[in-house]
């Protein structure tokens, strides 16, 4: 559900899970709920970034600025 940009609370309601328990599980690193939720989120992020990269390569100034911002965030996390 994160792929479709639903919050953990709405995801819990949709899958008929206890909302509090699901949200707690999503917040704990390594839990199956967190891993599954974030896989969807990362998949969406990947598609968005691919679109930004393609648009930047085609000369879109806003996409180029966004790409530079993403690169700076990545670079700062590596140092």
N, C-alpha and C. Protein backbone atom coordinates (compact mmCIF):
# COMPACT_ATOMS: atom_id res chain seq x y z
N UNK A 1 0.81 -1.20 0.00
CA UNK A 1 0.00 0.00 0.00
C UNK A 1 0.87 1.27 0.00
N UNK A 2 2.07 1.15 0.53
CA UNK A 2 2.96 2.32 0.50
C UNK A 2 3.27 2.71 -0.94
N UNK A 3 3.26 1.73 -1.84
CA UNK A 3 3.49 2.03 -3.25
C UNK A 3 2.47 3.03 -3.77
N UNK A 4 1.27 2.93 -3.26
CA UNK A 4 0.19 3.85 -3.66
C UNK A 4 0.10 5.06 -2.73
N UNK A 5 1.12 5.21 -1.88
CA UNK A 5 1.29 6.36 -0.99
C UNK A 5 0.22 6.45 0.10
N UNK A 6 -0.23 5.30 0.58
CA UNK A 6 -1.13 5.27 1.72
C UNK A 6 -0.30 5.24 3.00
N UNK A 7 -0.78 5.90 4.02
CA UNK A 7 -0.10 5.90 5.31
C UNK A 7 -0.19 4.51 5.95
N UNK A 8 0.67 4.22 6.93
CA UNK A 8 0.54 2.95 7.64
C UNK A 8 -0.83 2.77 8.28
N UNK A 9 -1.41 3.87 8.79
CA UNK A 9 -2.74 3.77 9.42
C UNK A 9 -3.79 3.31 8.42
N UNK A 10 -3.80 3.92 7.25
CA UNK A 10 -4.79 3.53 6.23
C UNK A 10 -4.51 2.13 5.69
N UNK A 11 -3.24 1.78 5.61
CA UNK A 11 -2.88 0.43 5.18
C UNK A 11 -3.42 -0.60 6.16
N UNK A 12 -3.25 -0.33 7.45
CA UNK A 12 -3.76 -1.25 8.48
C UNK A 12 -5.26 -1.45 8.34
N UNK A 13 -5.98 -0.37 8.15
CA UNK A 13 -7.43 -0.47 7.98
C UNK A 13 -7.77 -1.30 6.75
N UNK A 14 -7.05 -1.05 5.67
CA UNK A 14 -7.32 -1.76 4.42
C UNK A 14 -7.06 -3.26 4.52
N UNK A 15 -6.00 -3.64 5.22
CA UNK A 15 -5.68 -5.07 5.34
C UNK A 15 -6.33 -5.71 6.57
N UNK A 16 -7.17 -4.92 7.25
CA UNK A 16 -7.91 -5.39 8.42
C UNK A 16 -6.99 -5.86 9.53
N UNK A 17 -5.92 -5.10 9.75
CA UNK A 17 -5.01 -5.37 10.86
C UNK A 17 -5.29 -4.35 11.96
N UNK A 18 -4.86 -4.68 13.18
CA UNK A 18 -4.98 -3.72 14.26
C UNK A 18 -4.10 -2.52 13.93
N UNK A 19 -4.71 -1.35 13.90
CA UNK A 19 -4.02 -0.15 13.44
C UNK A 19 -2.81 0.19 14.32
N UNK A 20 -2.97 0.13 15.62
CA UNK A 20 -1.88 0.47 16.53
C UNK A 20 -0.74 -0.54 16.41
N UNK A 21 -1.07 -1.82 16.41
CA UNK A 21 -0.03 -2.85 16.31
C UNK A 21 0.71 -2.76 14.98
N UNK A 22 -0.03 -2.54 13.90
CA UNK A 22 0.61 -2.45 12.59
C UNK A 22 1.54 -1.25 12.52
N UNK A 23 1.08 -0.11 12.99
CA UNK A 23 1.91 1.10 12.95
C UNK A 23 3.16 0.94 13.82
N UNK A 24 3.01 0.29 14.96
CA UNK A 24 4.18 0.02 15.80
C UNK A 24 5.15 -0.91 15.08
N UNK A 25 4.63 -1.93 14.43
CA UNK A 25 5.49 -2.88 13.71
C UNK A 25 6.21 -2.20 12.55
N UNK A 26 5.54 -1.28 11.88
CA UNK A 26 6.15 -0.55 10.76
C UNK A 26 7.28 0.35 11.27
N UNK A 27 7.19 0.79 12.51
CA UNK A 27 8.21 1.69 13.05
C UNK A 27 9.43 0.96 13.61
N UNK A 28 9.38 -0.36 13.69
CA UNK A 28 10.50 -1.13 14.26
C UNK A 28 11.33 -1.75 13.15
N UNK A 29 12.61 -1.34 13.04
CA UNK A 29 13.48 -1.89 11.99
C UNK A 29 13.55 -3.42 12.05
N UNK A 30 13.48 -4.04 10.88
CA UNK A 30 13.63 -5.48 10.77
C UNK A 30 12.36 -6.30 10.86
N UNK A 31 11.24 -5.67 11.21
CA UNK A 31 10.00 -6.44 11.30
C UNK A 31 9.47 -6.71 9.89
N UNK A 32 8.76 -7.83 9.71
CA UNK A 32 8.19 -8.12 8.40
C UNK A 32 7.25 -7.01 7.91
N UNK A 33 6.48 -6.41 8.82
CA UNK A 33 5.56 -5.34 8.42
C UNK A 33 6.33 -4.15 7.88
N UNK A 34 7.40 -3.77 8.57
CA UNK A 34 8.21 -2.63 8.11
C UNK A 34 8.86 -2.93 6.76
N UNK A 35 9.44 -4.12 6.64
CA UNK A 35 10.09 -4.49 5.38
C UNK A 35 9.11 -4.48 4.22
N UNK A 36 7.93 -5.04 4.43
CA UNK A 36 6.93 -5.09 3.36
C UNK A 36 6.45 -3.69 3.01
N UNK A 37 6.18 -2.87 4.03
CA UNK A 37 5.70 -1.52 3.78
C UNK A 37 6.74 -0.71 3.02
N UNK A 38 7.97 -0.77 3.48
CA UNK A 38 9.02 0.02 2.84
C UNK A 38 9.40 -0.49 1.45
N UNK A 39 9.21 -1.76 1.18
CA UNK A 39 9.45 -2.25 -0.18
C UNK A 39 8.53 -1.53 -1.17
N UNK A 40 7.28 -1.34 -0.79
CA UNK A 40 6.35 -0.61 -1.64
C UNK A 40 6.74 0.85 -1.79
N UNK A 41 7.16 1.46 -0.69
CA UNK A 41 7.57 2.85 -0.72
C UNK A 41 8.82 3.03 -1.60
N UNK A 42 9.77 2.13 -1.44
CA UNK A 42 11.00 2.21 -2.23
C UNK A 42 10.71 1.98 -3.71
N UNK A 43 9.80 1.09 -4.01
CA UNK A 43 9.42 0.86 -5.41
C UNK A 43 8.85 2.13 -6.03
N UNK A 44 8.00 2.83 -5.29
CA UNK A 44 7.43 4.09 -5.78
C UNK A 44 8.53 5.14 -5.94
N UNK A 45 9.41 5.22 -4.97
CA UNK A 45 10.52 6.17 -5.04
C UNK A 45 11.41 5.88 -6.25
N UNK A 46 11.64 4.61 -6.54
CA UNK A 46 12.46 4.23 -7.69
C UNK A 46 11.83 4.71 -8.98
N UNK A 47 10.54 4.49 -9.14
CA UNK A 47 9.86 4.94 -10.35
C UNK A 47 9.90 6.46 -10.49
N UNK A 48 9.70 7.16 -9.38
CA UNK A 48 9.74 8.62 -9.41
C UNK A 48 11.14 9.12 -9.78
N UNK A 49 12.15 8.52 -9.19
CA UNK A 49 13.52 8.94 -9.47
C UNK A 49 13.91 8.63 -10.92
N UNK A 50 13.45 7.50 -11.44
CA UNK A 50 13.72 7.19 -12.85
C UNK A 50 13.10 8.26 -13.75
N UNK A 51 11.91 8.70 -13.41
CA UNK A 51 11.25 9.75 -14.18
C UNK A 51 12.01 11.06 -14.08
N UNK A 52 12.48 11.40 -12.89
CA UNK A 52 13.26 12.62 -12.70
C UNK A 52 14.55 12.56 -13.51
N UNK A 53 15.23 11.44 -13.47
CA UNK A 53 16.49 11.28 -14.21
C UNK A 53 16.24 11.42 -15.71
N UNK A 54 15.19 10.78 -16.19
CA UNK A 54 14.87 10.87 -17.62
C UNK A 54 14.53 12.30 -18.02
N UNK A 55 13.70 12.96 -17.22
CA UNK A 55 13.33 14.34 -17.53
C UNK A 55 14.53 15.27 -17.46
N UNK A 56 15.40 15.05 -16.50
CA UNK A 56 16.61 15.87 -16.38
C UNK A 56 17.50 15.67 -17.61
N UNK A 57 17.61 14.45 -18.06
CA UNK A 57 18.38 14.16 -19.27
C UNK A 57 17.81 14.80 -20.51
N UNK A 58 16.49 15.02 -20.49
CA UNK A 58 15.82 15.67 -21.62
C UNK A 58 15.84 17.19 -21.52
N UNK A 59 16.50 17.71 -20.48
CA UNK A 59 16.68 19.14 -20.36
C UNK A 59 15.72 19.88 -19.46
N UNK A 60 14.89 19.18 -18.71
CA UNK A 60 13.95 19.85 -17.81
C UNK A 60 14.72 20.48 -16.65
N UNK A 61 14.66 21.80 -16.57
CA UNK A 61 15.38 22.49 -15.50
C UNK A 61 14.88 22.10 -14.11
N UNK A 62 13.56 22.04 -13.86
CA UNK A 62 13.10 21.60 -12.53
C UNK A 62 13.58 20.18 -12.19
N UNK A 63 13.57 19.30 -13.18
CA UNK A 63 14.03 17.93 -12.94
C UNK A 63 15.53 17.91 -12.66
N UNK A 64 16.28 18.75 -13.34
CA UNK A 64 17.72 18.82 -13.09
C UNK A 64 17.99 19.31 -11.67
N UNK A 65 17.22 20.30 -11.23
CA UNK A 65 17.37 20.80 -9.85
C UNK A 65 17.02 19.72 -8.84
N UNK A 66 15.95 18.99 -9.10
CA UNK A 66 15.55 17.90 -8.21
C UNK A 66 16.61 16.81 -8.18
N UNK A 67 17.16 16.48 -9.33
CA UNK A 67 18.20 15.47 -9.42
C UNK A 67 19.44 15.89 -8.63
N UNK A 68 19.83 17.14 -8.75
CA UNK A 68 20.97 17.65 -7.98
C UNK A 68 20.70 17.54 -6.48
N UNK A 69 19.47 17.85 -6.08
CA UNK A 69 19.10 17.74 -4.68
C UNK A 69 19.19 16.29 -4.20
N UNK A 70 18.67 15.36 -4.98
CA UNK A 70 18.75 13.95 -4.62
C UNK A 70 20.20 13.48 -4.54
N UNK A 71 21.02 13.95 -5.47
CA UNK A 71 22.44 13.57 -5.45
C UNK A 71 23.14 14.12 -4.21
N UNK A 72 22.80 15.33 -3.80
CA UNK A 72 23.40 15.92 -2.61
C UNK A 72 23.00 15.16 -1.35
N UNK A 73 21.74 14.74 -1.28
CA UNK A 73 21.29 13.95 -0.13
C UNK A 73 22.05 12.63 -0.07
N UNK A 74 22.18 11.99 -1.22
CA UNK A 74 22.91 10.72 -1.26
C UNK A 74 24.36 10.92 -0.88
N UNK A 75 24.98 11.93 -1.44
CA UNK A 75 26.39 12.18 -1.17
C UNK A 75 26.61 12.46 0.33
N UNK A 76 25.74 13.22 0.94
CA UNK A 76 25.91 13.54 2.37
C UNK A 76 25.70 12.30 3.24
N UNK A 77 24.90 11.37 2.78
CA UNK A 77 24.70 10.15 3.58
C UNK A 77 25.87 9.18 3.44
N UNK A 78 26.70 9.37 2.42
CA UNK A 78 27.85 8.49 2.21
C UNK A 78 29.11 8.98 2.90
N UNK A 79 29.09 10.23 3.36
CA UNK A 79 30.30 10.76 4.01
C UNK A 79 30.12 10.90 5.49
